[in-house]
């Protein structure tokens, strides 16, 4: 049975089989979680992402999808890069956000990862409202059909941690 735990802190320091990167579609690094993972993980992650861009994902990774690379220098063996949607007040993109979580867990299953750490996808630079991002993350992970045993929801800050703890129960 899947256990969901809330952890506060920096996802780049979390011990897990895989950590999820809230990536952009280029897979070539960026700001926020994405930039932090690329900086902490070292050049092997970027090299693996560049290889994906020249082979299986020449046009980038579509929103709602996920793909894995090495974890480089991180404590996690793998990084699962997931592209969440940018928040839109005029268009419901929640299915794409759910898809980013589901696809990440599918990739984790393919890797036989048992412990996976997630940030709140799309809740940073992509502007997704925090309370809704938390609700979608927790509900989607809870309902997922996965062989992952533990999901760590990593809160960066007190407000996300409080909301995650309340949602996880």
N, C-alpha and C. Protein backbone atom coordinates (compact mmCIF):
# COMPACT_ATOMS: atom_id res chain seq x y z
N UNK A 1 0.84 -1.20 0.00
CA UNK A 1 0.00 0.00 0.00
C UNK A 1 0.88 1.26 0.00
N UNK A 2 0.52 2.20 -0.81
CA UNK A 2 1.27 3.43 -0.94
C UNK A 2 1.14 4.31 0.30
N UNK A 3 2.28 4.76 0.81
CA UNK A 3 2.29 5.72 1.93
C UNK A 3 2.71 7.07 1.39
N UNK A 4 2.00 8.10 1.84
CA UNK A 4 2.34 9.48 1.46
C UNK A 4 2.85 10.19 2.70
N UNK A 5 4.02 10.81 2.58
CA UNK A 5 4.61 11.54 3.69
C UNK A 5 4.94 12.96 3.22
N UNK A 6 4.89 13.88 4.16
CA UNK A 6 5.23 15.27 3.87
C UNK A 6 6.59 15.56 4.51
N UNK A 7 7.46 16.17 3.73
CA UNK A 7 8.80 16.53 4.18
C UNK A 7 9.00 18.00 3.83
N UNK A 8 9.54 18.77 4.76
CA UNK A 8 9.85 20.16 4.44
C UNK A 8 11.33 20.27 4.13
N UNK A 9 11.64 21.05 3.10
CA UNK A 9 13.04 21.28 2.82
C UNK A 9 13.36 21.34 1.35
N UNK A 10 14.60 21.02 1.04
CA UNK A 10 15.18 21.12 -0.30
C UNK A 10 15.15 19.73 -0.94
N UNK A 11 14.43 19.59 -2.03
CA UNK A 11 14.27 18.28 -2.68
C UNK A 11 15.61 17.70 -3.14
N UNK A 12 16.60 18.55 -3.38
CA UNK A 12 17.89 18.04 -3.85
C UNK A 12 18.65 17.28 -2.77
N UNK A 13 18.21 17.39 -1.52
CA UNK A 13 18.89 16.69 -0.43
C UNK A 13 18.10 15.47 0.07
N UNK A 14 16.94 15.22 -0.53
CA UNK A 14 16.08 14.13 -0.07
C UNK A 14 16.63 12.79 -0.55
N UNK A 15 16.66 11.82 0.37
CA UNK A 15 17.08 10.47 0.02
C UNK A 15 15.86 9.70 -0.48
N UNK A 16 15.90 9.38 -1.76
CA UNK A 16 14.81 8.63 -2.40
C UNK A 16 15.42 7.91 -3.59
N UNK A 17 14.70 6.93 -4.11
CA UNK A 17 15.17 6.27 -5.33
C UNK A 17 15.15 7.27 -6.49
N UNK A 18 14.10 8.09 -6.52
CA UNK A 18 13.95 9.08 -7.58
C UNK A 18 13.34 10.35 -7.00
N UNK A 19 13.78 11.48 -7.54
CA UNK A 19 13.11 12.74 -7.24
C UNK A 19 12.51 13.26 -8.53
N UNK A 20 11.40 13.96 -8.40
CA UNK A 20 10.73 14.52 -9.56
C UNK A 20 11.14 15.98 -9.70
N UNK A 21 11.49 16.33 -10.92
CA UNK A 21 11.87 17.69 -11.25
C UNK A 21 10.67 18.36 -11.91
N UNK A 22 10.27 19.50 -11.40
CA UNK A 22 9.25 20.31 -12.07
C UNK A 22 9.96 21.03 -13.21
N UNK A 23 10.09 20.31 -14.32
CA UNK A 23 10.91 20.75 -15.44
C UNK A 23 10.11 21.63 -16.41
N UNK A 24 10.85 22.30 -17.28
CA UNK A 24 10.19 22.94 -18.41
C UNK A 24 10.37 22.03 -19.63
N UNK A 25 9.65 22.29 -20.67
CA UNK A 25 9.61 21.36 -21.80
C UNK A 25 10.95 21.24 -22.54
N UNK A 26 11.85 22.20 -22.37
CA UNK A 26 13.14 22.11 -23.06
C UNK A 26 14.04 21.04 -22.45
N UNK A 27 13.81 20.71 -21.18
CA UNK A 27 14.63 19.77 -20.41
C UNK A 27 16.05 20.28 -20.17
N UNK A 28 16.30 21.55 -20.43
CA UNK A 28 17.66 22.06 -20.37
C UNK A 28 17.92 22.93 -19.15
N UNK A 29 17.14 22.77 -18.11
CA UNK A 29 17.33 23.55 -16.90
C UNK A 29 16.50 24.82 -16.93
N UNK A 30 16.43 25.47 -15.81
CA UNK A 30 15.64 26.69 -15.70
C UNK A 30 15.77 27.24 -14.30
N UNK A 31 14.69 27.85 -13.82
CA UNK A 31 14.69 28.41 -12.48
C UNK A 31 14.04 27.48 -11.49
N UNK A 32 13.86 27.94 -10.28
CA UNK A 32 13.14 27.20 -9.25
C UNK A 32 13.71 25.81 -9.00
N UNK A 33 12.81 24.83 -8.85
CA UNK A 33 13.19 23.45 -8.58
C UNK A 33 14.10 22.93 -9.70
N UNK A 34 13.74 23.22 -10.93
CA UNK A 34 14.49 22.76 -12.09
C UNK A 34 15.95 23.20 -12.02
N UNK A 35 16.16 24.49 -11.80
CA UNK A 35 17.53 25.00 -11.71
C UNK A 35 18.28 24.42 -10.54
N UNK A 36 17.61 24.28 -9.39
CA UNK A 36 18.25 23.73 -8.20
C UNK A 36 18.70 22.29 -8.43
N UNK A 37 17.87 21.50 -9.09
CA UNK A 37 18.21 20.10 -9.36
C UNK A 37 19.40 20.03 -10.33
N UNK A 38 19.37 20.83 -11.37
CA UNK A 38 20.49 20.82 -12.32
C UNK A 38 21.79 21.28 -11.65
N UNK A 39 21.72 22.31 -10.80
CA UNK A 39 22.93 22.79 -10.11
C UNK A 39 23.47 21.73 -9.15
N UNK A 40 22.59 21.17 -8.32
CA UNK A 40 23.04 20.20 -7.31
C UNK A 40 23.44 18.86 -7.92
N UNK A 41 22.80 18.49 -9.01
CA UNK A 41 23.06 17.18 -9.61
C UNK A 41 24.27 17.14 -10.52
N UNK A 42 24.76 18.30 -10.90
CA UNK A 42 25.96 18.34 -11.72
C UNK A 42 25.68 18.14 -13.20
N UNK A 43 26.76 18.12 -13.98
CA UNK A 43 26.64 18.14 -15.45
C UNK A 43 26.05 16.87 -16.07
N UNK A 44 26.06 15.76 -15.37
CA UNK A 44 25.54 14.52 -15.95
C UNK A 44 24.03 14.61 -16.24
N UNK A 45 23.30 15.36 -15.42
CA UNK A 45 21.86 15.50 -15.65
C UNK A 45 21.61 16.28 -16.93
N UNK A 46 22.30 17.40 -17.08
CA UNK A 46 22.14 18.19 -18.30
C UNK A 46 22.58 17.40 -19.53
N UNK A 47 23.65 16.66 -19.42
CA UNK A 47 24.11 15.84 -20.55
C UNK A 47 23.05 14.81 -20.94
N UNK A 48 22.43 14.19 -19.95
CA UNK A 48 21.37 13.20 -20.22
C UNK A 48 20.15 13.88 -20.85
N UNK A 49 19.81 15.07 -20.38
CA UNK A 49 18.69 15.81 -20.96
C UNK A 49 19.00 16.22 -22.40
N UNK A 50 20.22 16.65 -22.65
CA UNK A 50 20.60 17.00 -24.03
C UNK A 50 20.51 15.77 -24.94
N UNK A 51 20.91 14.62 -24.42
CA UNK A 51 20.81 13.38 -25.21
C UNK A 51 19.36 13.07 -25.54
N UNK A 52 18.45 13.27 -24.59
CA UNK A 52 17.02 13.06 -24.86
C UNK A 52 16.53 13.99 -25.96
N UNK A 53 17.03 15.23 -25.94
CA UNK A 53 16.61 16.21 -26.96
C UNK A 53 17.11 15.85 -28.35
N UNK A 54 18.19 15.11 -28.44
CA UNK A 54 18.70 14.72 -29.77
C UNK A 54 18.16 13.37 -30.21
N UNK A 55 17.47 12.65 -29.32
CA UNK A 55 16.95 11.33 -29.67
C UNK A 55 15.43 11.30 -29.56
N UNK A 56 14.93 10.90 -28.42
CA UNK A 56 13.49 10.64 -28.25
C UNK A 56 12.61 11.88 -28.13
N UNK A 57 13.18 13.03 -27.76
CA UNK A 57 12.37 14.24 -27.54
C UNK A 57 12.98 15.46 -28.23
N UNK A 58 13.13 15.42 -29.56
CA UNK A 58 13.77 16.55 -30.26
C UNK A 58 12.99 17.86 -30.14
N UNK A 59 11.68 17.77 -29.93
CA UNK A 59 10.85 18.98 -29.78
C UNK A 59 10.59 19.33 -28.33
N UNK A 60 11.26 18.65 -27.40
CA UNK A 60 11.04 18.87 -25.98
C UNK A 60 10.02 17.89 -25.43
N UNK A 61 9.80 17.96 -24.14
CA UNK A 61 8.88 17.06 -23.46
C UNK A 61 7.52 17.75 -23.36
N UNK A 62 6.46 17.09 -23.84
CA UNK A 62 5.13 17.72 -23.79
C UNK A 62 4.64 17.95 -22.36
N UNK A 63 3.83 18.95 -22.19
CA UNK A 63 3.20 19.24 -20.90
C UNK A 63 2.38 18.03 -20.48
N UNK A 64 2.54 17.64 -19.21
CA UNK A 64 1.82 16.48 -18.68
C UNK A 64 2.59 15.19 -18.78
N UNK A 65 3.77 15.22 -19.41
CA UNK A 65 4.56 14.01 -19.60
C UNK A 65 5.77 14.01 -18.66
N UNK A 66 6.46 12.87 -18.61
CA UNK A 66 7.62 12.73 -17.73
C UNK A 66 8.62 11.77 -18.37
N UNK A 67 9.88 11.96 -18.03
CA UNK A 67 10.97 11.13 -18.52
C UNK A 67 12.08 11.13 -17.46
N UNK A 68 12.87 10.05 -17.42
CA UNK A 68 13.89 9.92 -16.38
C UNK A 68 15.30 10.10 -16.94
N UNK A 69 16.16 10.62 -16.06
CA UNK A 69 17.60 10.66 -16.32
C UNK A 69 18.32 10.21 -15.05
N UNK A 70 19.62 10.15 -15.16
CA UNK A 70 20.44 9.90 -13.99
C UNK A 70 20.18 10.96 -12.91
N UNK A 71 20.51 10.63 -11.68
CA UNK A 71 20.45 11.60 -10.60
C UNK A 71 21.76 12.37 -10.45
N UNK A 72 22.75 12.00 -11.24
CA UNK A 72 24.03 12.70 -11.15
C UNK A 72 24.61 12.64 -9.75
N UNK A 73 24.92 13.79 -9.19
CA UNK A 73 25.53 13.89 -7.86
C UNK A 73 24.51 13.93 -6.73
N UNK A 74 23.23 13.84 -7.07
CA UNK A 74 22.18 13.88 -6.05
C UNK A 74 22.14 12.59 -5.24
N UNK A 75 21.54 12.61 -4.04
CA UNK A 75 21.39 11.36 -3.29
C UNK A 75 20.40 10.40 -3.96
N UNK A 76 19.56 10.90 -4.84
CA UNK A 76 18.61 10.05 -5.57
C UNK A 76 19.31 9.45 -6.79
N UNK A 77 18.96 8.22 -7.11
CA UNK A 77 19.56 7.55 -8.26
C UNK A 77 19.08 8.15 -9.59
N UNK A 78 17.80 8.56 -9.61
CA UNK A 78 17.21 9.09 -10.83
C UNK A 78 16.53 10.43 -10.58
N UNK A 79 16.42 11.20 -11.65
CA UNK A 79 15.57 12.38 -11.68
C UNK A 79 14.49 12.10 -12.72
N UNK A 80 13.25 12.25 -12.30
CA UNK A 80 12.13 12.13 -13.23
C UNK A 80 11.69 13.55 -13.55
N UNK A 81 11.89 13.95 -14.79
CA UNK A 81 11.56 15.30 -15.24
C UNK A 81 10.10 15.30 -15.69
N UNK A 82 9.27 16.10 -15.04
CA UNK A 82 7.85 16.18 -15.37
C UNK A 82 7.51 17.63 -15.72
N UNK A 83 6.78 17.79 -16.80
CA UNK A 83 6.40 19.14 -17.23
C UNK A 83 4.95 19.38 -16.84
N UNK A 84 4.77 20.29 -15.90
CA UNK A 84 3.43 20.68 -15.50
C UNK A 84 2.95 21.85 -16.33
N UNK A 85 1.67 22.11 -16.29
CA UNK A 85 1.12 23.23 -17.05
C UNK A 85 1.31 24.56 -16.33
N UNK A 86 1.34 25.62 -17.12
CA UNK A 86 1.29 26.97 -16.57
C UNK A 86 -0.16 27.24 -16.18
N UNK A 87 -0.38 27.83 -15.01
CA UNK A 87 -1.72 28.15 -14.53
C UNK A 87 -2.41 29.11 -15.49
N UNK A 88 -3.68 28.87 -15.73
CA UNK A 88 -4.49 29.78 -16.53
C UNK A 88 -5.82 30.01 -15.83
N UNK A 89 -6.17 31.24 -15.54
CA UNK A 89 -7.47 31.48 -14.90
C UNK A 89 -8.65 31.26 -15.86
N UNK A 90 -8.36 31.21 -17.17
CA UNK A 90 -9.44 31.10 -18.15
C UNK A 90 -9.56 29.71 -18.79
N UNK A 91 -8.63 28.80 -18.46
CA UNK A 91 -8.65 27.47 -19.06
C UNK A 91 -8.32 26.43 -17.99
N UNK A 92 -9.12 25.38 -17.89
CA UNK A 92 -8.88 24.33 -16.91
C UNK A 92 -7.78 23.40 -17.42
N UNK A 93 -6.62 23.48 -16.82
CA UNK A 93 -5.48 22.65 -17.21
C UNK A 93 -5.16 21.60 -16.15
N UNK A 94 -6.11 21.35 -15.25
CA UNK A 94 -5.86 20.42 -14.14
C UNK A 94 -5.59 19.00 -14.63
N UNK A 95 -6.18 18.59 -15.76
CA UNK A 95 -5.91 17.24 -16.29
C UNK A 95 -4.43 17.10 -16.66
N UNK A 96 -3.82 18.17 -17.16
CA UNK A 96 -2.40 18.13 -17.48
C UNK A 96 -1.55 18.05 -16.22
N UNK A 97 -1.98 18.73 -15.16
CA UNK A 97 -1.25 18.65 -13.90
C UNK A 97 -1.35 17.24 -13.32
N UNK A 98 -2.54 16.67 -13.32
CA UNK A 98 -2.70 15.29 -12.86
C UNK A 98 -1.83 14.34 -13.69
N UNK A 99 -1.81 14.56 -14.98
CA UNK A 99 -1.01 13.73 -15.88
C UNK A 99 0.48 13.78 -15.54
N UNK A 100 0.98 14.94 -15.16
CA UNK A 100 2.40 15.06 -14.80
C UNK A 100 2.72 14.16 -13.60
N UNK A 101 1.81 14.09 -12.63
CA UNK A 101 2.02 13.19 -11.47
C UNK A 101 1.90 11.73 -11.88
N UNK A 102 0.86 11.39 -12.65
CA UNK A 102 0.64 10.00 -13.06
C UNK A 102 1.79 9.51 -13.93
N UNK A 103 2.20 10.31 -14.90
CA UNK A 103 3.31 9.91 -15.78
C UNK A 103 4.60 9.74 -14.97
N UNK A 104 4.81 10.60 -13.97
CA UNK A 104 6.00 10.47 -13.12
C UNK A 104 5.99 9.13 -12.38
N UNK A 105 4.83 8.75 -11.86
CA UNK A 105 4.72 7.47 -11.16
C UNK A 105 4.86 6.29 -12.12
N UNK A 106 4.37 6.44 -13.33
CA UNK A 106 4.54 5.39 -14.35
C UNK A 106 6.02 5.20 -14.67
N UNK A 107 6.74 6.31 -14.85
CA UNK A 107 8.18 6.23 -15.10
C UNK A 107 8.88 5.61 -13.89
N UNK A 108 8.48 5.98 -12.69
CA UNK A 108 9.05 5.40 -11.47
C UNK A 108 8.83 3.88 -11.44
N UNK A 109 7.64 3.46 -11.84
CA UNK A 109 7.35 2.02 -11.90
C UNK A 109 8.29 1.33 -12.88
N UNK A 110 8.51 1.95 -14.04
CA UNK A 110 9.40 1.37 -15.04
C UNK A 110 10.83 1.26 -14.51
N UNK A 111 11.23 2.18 -13.66
CA UNK A 111 12.57 2.17 -13.05
C UNK A 111 12.64 1.24 -11.83
N UNK A 112 11.48 0.75 -11.41
CA UNK A 112 11.34 -0.04 -10.18
C UNK A 112 11.73 0.76 -8.94
N UNK A 113 11.47 2.05 -8.99
CA UNK A 113 11.71 2.93 -7.84
C UNK A 113 10.63 2.67 -6.79
N UNK A 114 11.00 2.61 -5.55
CA UNK A 114 10.05 2.36 -4.47
C UNK A 114 9.76 3.62 -3.65
N UNK A 115 10.71 4.54 -3.61
CA UNK A 115 10.53 5.80 -2.88
C UNK A 115 10.76 6.94 -3.87
N UNK A 116 9.73 7.79 -4.00
CA UNK A 116 9.79 8.90 -4.96
C UNK A 116 9.42 10.19 -4.25
N UNK A 117 10.22 11.22 -4.47
CA UNK A 117 9.97 12.54 -3.87
C UNK A 117 9.48 13.50 -4.94
N UNK A 118 8.40 14.20 -4.63
CA UNK A 118 7.80 15.17 -5.54
C UNK A 118 7.84 16.57 -4.95
N UNK A 119 8.11 17.58 -5.78
CA UNK A 119 7.80 18.95 -5.38
C UNK A 119 6.33 19.18 -5.73
N UNK A 120 5.82 20.35 -5.43
CA UNK A 120 4.47 20.70 -5.90
C UNK A 120 4.61 21.22 -7.33
N UNK A 121 4.33 20.34 -8.28
CA UNK A 121 4.48 20.67 -9.69
C UNK A 121 3.57 21.84 -10.07
N UNK A 122 4.11 22.77 -10.79
CA UNK A 122 3.42 23.96 -11.32
C UNK A 122 3.10 25.03 -10.27
N UNK A 123 3.40 24.78 -9.00
CA UNK A 123 3.02 25.73 -7.95
C UNK A 123 4.01 26.87 -7.76
N UNK A 124 5.14 26.82 -8.44
CA UNK A 124 6.13 27.88 -8.31
C UNK A 124 6.01 28.88 -9.44
N UNK A 125 7.00 28.86 -10.32
CA UNK A 125 7.08 29.82 -11.43
C UNK A 125 5.89 29.71 -12.38
N UNK A 126 5.23 28.54 -12.41
CA UNK A 126 4.09 28.37 -13.32
C UNK A 126 2.78 28.88 -12.74
N UNK A 127 2.84 29.40 -11.51
CA UNK A 127 1.73 30.17 -10.95
C UNK A 127 0.49 29.43 -10.50
N UNK A 128 0.54 28.10 -10.38
CA UNK A 128 -0.65 27.36 -9.95
C UNK A 128 -0.98 27.74 -8.52
N UNK A 129 -2.23 28.06 -8.21
CA UNK A 129 -2.59 28.40 -6.83
C UNK A 129 -2.23 27.26 -5.87
N UNK A 130 -1.58 27.62 -4.79
CA UNK A 130 -1.01 26.64 -3.87
C UNK A 130 -2.04 25.65 -3.33
N UNK A 131 -3.20 26.15 -2.88
CA UNK A 131 -4.19 25.23 -2.30
C UNK A 131 -4.68 24.22 -3.33
N UNK A 132 -4.87 24.65 -4.56
CA UNK A 132 -5.33 23.74 -5.61
C UNK A 132 -4.22 22.78 -6.02
N UNK A 133 -2.97 23.26 -6.09
CA UNK A 133 -1.83 22.40 -6.42
C UNK A 133 -1.69 21.28 -5.39
N UNK A 134 -1.88 21.62 -4.12
CA UNK A 134 -1.81 20.62 -3.05
C UNK A 134 -2.93 19.60 -3.20
N UNK A 135 -4.13 20.08 -3.40
CA UNK A 135 -5.29 19.19 -3.54
C UNK A 135 -5.11 18.22 -4.70
N UNK A 136 -4.68 18.72 -5.84
CA UNK A 136 -4.47 17.87 -7.02
C UNK A 136 -3.35 16.87 -6.77
N UNK A 137 -2.24 17.32 -6.19
CA UNK A 137 -1.11 16.43 -5.94
C UNK A 137 -1.51 15.28 -5.03
N UNK A 138 -2.13 15.59 -3.92
CA UNK A 138 -2.48 14.55 -2.94
C UNK A 138 -3.52 13.59 -3.51
N UNK A 139 -4.56 14.11 -4.11
CA UNK A 139 -5.62 13.25 -4.66
C UNK A 139 -5.08 12.37 -5.78
N UNK A 140 -4.26 12.92 -6.65
CA UNK A 140 -3.74 12.16 -7.78
C UNK A 140 -2.82 11.04 -7.31
N UNK A 141 -1.93 11.35 -6.39
CA UNK A 141 -1.01 10.32 -5.87
C UNK A 141 -1.80 9.23 -5.14
N UNK A 142 -2.77 9.64 -4.34
CA UNK A 142 -3.59 8.66 -3.61
C UNK A 142 -4.30 7.69 -4.53
N UNK A 143 -4.79 8.20 -5.64
CA UNK A 143 -5.60 7.38 -6.56
C UNK A 143 -4.76 6.61 -7.58
N UNK A 144 -3.46 6.85 -7.60
CA UNK A 144 -2.61 6.26 -8.64
C UNK A 144 -2.47 4.75 -8.48
N UNK A 145 -2.42 4.08 -9.59
CA UNK A 145 -2.14 2.65 -9.65
C UNK A 145 -0.64 2.52 -9.88
N UNK A 146 0.12 2.26 -8.82
CA UNK A 146 1.57 2.29 -8.89
C UNK A 146 2.18 1.24 -7.97
N UNK A 147 3.40 0.84 -8.29
CA UNK A 147 4.15 -0.06 -7.41
C UNK A 147 5.06 0.72 -6.46
N UNK A 148 5.07 2.04 -6.60
CA UNK A 148 5.83 2.88 -5.67
C UNK A 148 5.25 2.67 -4.27
N UNK A 149 6.13 2.52 -3.28
CA UNK A 149 5.68 2.25 -1.91
C UNK A 149 5.54 3.52 -1.07
N UNK A 150 6.42 4.48 -1.29
CA UNK A 150 6.38 5.73 -0.51
C UNK A 150 6.54 6.92 -1.44
N UNK A 151 5.65 7.88 -1.29
CA UNK A 151 5.78 9.15 -1.99
C UNK A 151 6.04 10.22 -0.92
N UNK A 152 7.12 10.95 -1.12
CA UNK A 152 7.46 12.06 -0.24
C UNK A 152 7.06 13.33 -0.97
N UNK A 153 6.15 14.08 -0.38
CA UNK A 153 5.76 15.38 -0.93
C UNK A 153 6.61 16.42 -0.24
N UNK A 154 7.49 17.03 -0.99
CA UNK A 154 8.48 17.94 -0.41
C UNK A 154 7.97 19.37 -0.47
N UNK A 155 7.79 19.94 0.69
CA UNK A 155 7.29 21.31 0.81
C UNK A 155 8.48 22.25 0.96
N UNK A 156 8.52 23.25 0.13
CA UNK A 156 9.56 24.26 0.22
C UNK A 156 8.93 25.49 0.86
N UNK A 157 8.94 25.50 2.20
CA UNK A 157 8.35 26.62 2.94
C UNK A 157 7.25 26.15 3.86
N UNK A 158 6.88 27.04 4.77
CA UNK A 158 5.90 26.69 5.82
C UNK A 158 4.48 26.59 5.29
N UNK A 159 4.06 27.50 4.42
CA UNK A 159 2.68 27.47 3.91
C UNK A 159 2.41 26.18 3.13
N UNK A 160 3.29 25.78 2.20
CA UNK A 160 3.05 24.51 1.50
C UNK A 160 3.04 23.32 2.46
N UNK A 161 3.94 23.35 3.44
CA UNK A 161 4.00 22.24 4.39
C UNK A 161 2.68 22.13 5.17
N UNK A 162 2.18 23.25 5.64
CA UNK A 162 0.93 23.26 6.41
C UNK A 162 -0.22 22.71 5.55
N UNK A 163 -0.34 23.18 4.32
CA UNK A 163 -1.40 22.72 3.44
C UNK A 163 -1.25 21.24 3.09
N UNK A 164 -0.03 20.80 2.83
CA UNK A 164 0.20 19.39 2.52
C UNK A 164 -0.14 18.49 3.72
N UNK A 165 0.30 18.89 4.90
CA UNK A 165 0.00 18.06 6.09
C UNK A 165 -1.50 17.95 6.32
N UNK A 166 -2.21 19.04 6.12
CA UNK A 166 -3.67 19.01 6.28
C UNK A 166 -4.33 18.11 5.23
N UNK A 167 -3.83 18.15 4.00
CA UNK A 167 -4.43 17.35 2.93
C UNK A 167 -4.10 15.87 3.06
N UNK A 168 -2.88 15.56 3.52
CA UNK A 168 -2.49 14.16 3.67
C UNK A 168 -3.17 13.54 4.87
N UNK A 169 -3.39 14.35 5.91
CA UNK A 169 -4.10 13.88 7.10
C UNK A 169 -3.27 13.18 8.10
